[in-house]
Amino acid sequence: MLDEAPRSFSQKRHLPDLPNPLRSSGMMQADKERFVWQVCQPFDIRTVVAADGITQSVEGEEPQPLGPEMVQEVIRQISISDIFRGDFDQLQSAFRLSRREGASGEPWKVTMTPRAARLADIIAEIDVSGCQVVEQVSIRYLSGGRDEILVVGKVAPSGPAACPTN
């Protein structure tokens, strides 16, 4: 299930007070060292999650630390890199895992429920599914919102995740 190749994604963020979801798309790459989440549309936003911190750059500006240390701690506990790599063994300390294996050729599904109090205050559950690699992630928040992320394909292995240049 581990896949470290750059992949493209589309995301729908459903917020309780908005009638339609916010949509974005881009590229991501998850490996043992870092997780790169590069939103290309509607804005260029590059977020890098690594052991030494989380940074974000907007429209090509210099990367800046993302939020206060508490926010960074919660994001590291979620271990988004392990989620998208399908490395569920690494997630067992932070989440209770319920696995459903698919029949031959059918998708499998892992439902993750937070164990850690800080995560449980924010996230109700995370569903991860796919056939050979992670293809879909759905995050349901206690606030009533949810994120639906569809990993739509591999990107040519020419280097780290990046938006196409015009």
Protein backbone atom coordinates (compact mmCIF):
# COMPACT_ATOMS: atom_id res chain seq x y z
CA MET A 1 0.00 0.00 0.00
CA LEU A 2 2.93 2.37 0.43
CA ASP A 3 3.25 4.76 -2.48
CA GLU A 4 5.70 7.65 -2.41
CA ALA A 5 5.27 8.83 -6.02
CA PRO A 6 3.90 12.34 -6.57
CA ARG A 7 0.12 12.22 -7.04
CA SER A 8 -2.51 14.71 -8.11
CA PHE A 9 -5.65 15.35 -6.06
CA SER A 10 -8.97 17.13 -6.05
CA GLN A 11 -10.54 18.29 -2.80
CA LYS A 12 -14.01 19.38 -1.74
CA ARG A 13 -14.28 21.14 1.62
CA HIS A 14 -17.83 21.19 2.97
CA LEU A 15 -18.42 23.92 5.55
CA PRO A 16 -21.65 23.95 7.60
CA ASP A 17 -22.53 27.57 6.73
CA LEU A 18 -21.91 27.36 2.97
CA PRO A 19 -24.38 25.76 0.54
CA ASN A 20 -21.67 24.56 -1.87
CA PRO A 21 -18.28 23.00 -1.16
CA LEU A 22 -15.02 24.86 -1.72
CA ARG A 23 -13.03 23.08 -4.41
CA SER A 24 -9.29 22.87 -4.92
CA SER A 25 -6.83 20.70 -6.79
CA GLY A 26 -3.13 20.16 -6.90
CA MET A 27 -0.26 17.78 -6.28
CA MET A 28 0.96 15.91 -3.22
CA GLN A 29 3.89 13.76 -2.30
CA ALA A 30 4.30 11.73 0.88
CA ASP A 31 7.54 10.08 1.89
CA LYS A 32 9.25 9.19 5.16
CA GLU A 33 10.89 12.62 5.47
CA ARG A 34 8.09 15.03 4.60
CA PHE A 35 4.65 15.58 3.16
CA VAL A 36 4.19 18.19 0.43
CA TRP A 37 0.64 19.43 -0.27
CA GLN A 38 0.69 21.77 -3.26
CA VAL A 39 -2.67 23.39 -4.05
CA CYS A 40 -2.53 24.67 -7.62
CA GLN A 41 -6.14 25.80 -8.11
CA PRO A 42 -7.77 28.16 -7.24
CA PHE A 43 -4.59 29.53 -5.57
CA ASP A 44 -0.97 28.43 -5.40
CA ILE A 45 -0.42 27.31 -1.78
CA ARG A 46 2.44 24.97 -0.85
CA THR A 47 2.40 23.32 2.59
CA VAL A 48 5.32 21.18 3.76
CA VAL A 49 5.01 18.98 6.85
CA ALA A 50 8.39 17.75 8.13
CA ALA A 51 9.89 16.69 11.46
CA ASP A 52 11.39 20.15 11.98
CA GLY A 53 8.07 21.97 11.47
CA ILE A 54 5.29 22.89 9.10
CA THR A 55 5.68 25.69 6.59
CA GLN A 56 3.39 27.25 4.03
CA SER A 57 4.02 29.56 1.10
CA VAL A 58 1.32 31.39 -0.84
CA GLU A 59 1.70 32.36 -4.49
CA GLY A 60 5.44 31.62 -4.45
CA GLU A 61 6.28 33.76 -1.43
CA GLU A 62 8.90 32.72 1.14
CA PRO A 63 7.70 29.74 3.26
CA GLN A 64 6.43 30.73 6.72
CA PRO A 65 5.71 28.60 9.80
CA LEU A 66 2.07 27.48 9.76
CA GLY A 67 0.23 28.67 12.86
CA PRO A 68 1.21 28.37 16.49
CA GLU A 69 3.00 25.32 17.92
CA MET A 70 -0.34 23.85 19.10
CA VAL A 71 -1.63 23.79 15.50
CA GLN A 72 1.60 22.20 14.31
CA GLU A 73 1.38 19.57 17.05
CA VAL A 74 -2.17 18.58 16.02
CA ILE A 75 -1.17 18.36 12.35
CA ARG A 76 1.83 16.16 13.23
CA GLN A 77 -0.42 13.89 15.36
CA ILE A 78 -2.72 13.39 12.37
CA SER A 79 0.39 12.20 10.45
CA ILE A 80 -1.04 13.10 7.06
CA SER A 81 1.99 11.61 5.32
CA ASP A 82 1.28 8.17 6.82
CA ILE A 83 -2.40 8.47 5.87
CA PHE A 84 -1.68 9.16 2.19
CA ARG A 85 1.11 6.57 2.08
CA GLY A 86 -1.28 4.01 3.59
CA ASP A 87 1.11 3.29 6.46
CA PHE A 88 -1.59 2.51 9.02
CA ASP A 89 0.76 0.77 11.48
CA GLN A 90 2.29 4.19 12.18
CA LEU A 91 -1.15 5.64 12.98
CA GLN A 92 -2.28 3.18 15.68
CA SER A 93 -1.02 5.26 18.60
CA ALA A 94 -3.08 8.31 17.57
CA PHE A 95 -6.14 6.51 16.10
CA ARG A 96 -8.33 3.46 16.63
CA LEU A 97 -8.41 1.65 13.30
CA SER A 98 -11.27 -0.34 11.83
CA ARG A 99 -10.27 -2.17 8.64
CA ARG A 100 -12.50 -3.66 5.97
CA GLU A 101 -10.72 -5.65 3.29
CA GLY A 102 -12.26 -5.57 -0.17
CA ALA A 103 -12.76 -8.67 -2.27
CA SER A 104 -10.28 -9.21 -5.08
CA GLY A 105 -10.22 -6.04 -7.17
CA GLU A 106 -12.59 -4.24 -4.77
CA PRO A 107 -11.57 -1.26 -2.61
CA TRP A 108 -10.52 -1.67 1.02
CA LYS A 109 -11.46 0.87 3.68
CA VAL A 110 -9.89 1.96 6.97
CA THR A 111 -11.90 4.10 9.40
CA MET A 112 -9.76 6.04 11.86
CA THR A 113 -11.16 7.42 15.13
CA PRO A 114 -8.91 9.72 17.18
CA ARG A 115 -7.49 8.47 20.48
CA ALA A 116 -5.63 11.68 21.41
CA ALA A 117 -7.79 14.26 23.18
CA ARG A 118 -6.64 17.20 21.01
CA LEU A 119 -7.52 15.29 17.85
CA ALA A 120 -10.82 14.04 19.28
CA ASP A 121 -11.81 17.65 20.00
CA ILE A 122 -11.55 18.44 16.28
CA ILE A 123 -11.97 15.28 14.19
CA ALA A 124 -14.87 12.82 14.39
CA GLU A 125 -13.33 10.27 12.02
CA ILE A 126 -11.20 9.78 8.94
CA ASP A 127 -12.10 7.25 6.23
CA VAL A 128 -9.32 6.11 3.91
CA SER A 129 -9.94 3.80 0.96
CA GLY A 130 -8.33 2.44 -2.16
CA CYS A 131 -7.48 -0.69 -4.10
CA GLN A 132 -3.69 -0.89 -4.29
CA VAL A 133 -2.84 2.58 -2.94
CA VAL A 134 -4.79 5.28 -1.10
CA GLU A 135 -7.34 6.73 -3.52
CA GLN A 136 -9.76 8.61 -1.27
CA VAL A 137 -9.63 10.30 2.14
CA SER A 138 -12.68 11.74 3.88
CA ILE A 139 -12.22 13.74 7.10
CA ARG A 140 -15.33 14.45 9.17
CA TYR A 141 -14.98 17.27 11.73
CA LEU A 142 -16.97 17.73 14.93
CA SER A 143 -17.87 21.22 13.66
CA GLY A 144 -20.07 19.54 11.02
CA GLY A 145 -17.67 20.16 8.14
CA ARG A 146 -15.86 17.58 6.11
CA ASP A 147 -13.08 17.29 3.56
CA GLU A 148 -13.30 14.84 0.66
CA ILE A 149 -10.00 14.25 -1.09
CA LEU A 150 -9.78 12.16 -4.23
CA VAL A 151 -6.30 11.13 -5.33
CA VAL A 152 -6.78 11.15 -9.07
CA GLY A 153 -3.53 9.75 -10.39
CA LYS A 154 0.19 9.53 -10.35
CA VAL A 155 2.39 12.31 -11.61
CA ALA A 156 5.49 11.66 -13.70
CA PRO A 157 8.32 11.06 -11.21
CA SER A 158 10.29 14.17 -12.20
CA GLY A 159 10.83 15.41 -8.66
CA PRO A 160 8.86 16.75 -5.72
CA ALA A 161 5.25 17.81 -6.03
CA ALA A 162 4.91 21.10 -7.88
CA CYS A 163 2.30 22.92 -9.95
CA PRO A 164 2.71 22.91 -13.71
CA THR A 165 4.33 26.09 -14.99
CA ASN A 166 2.75 28.13 -17.76
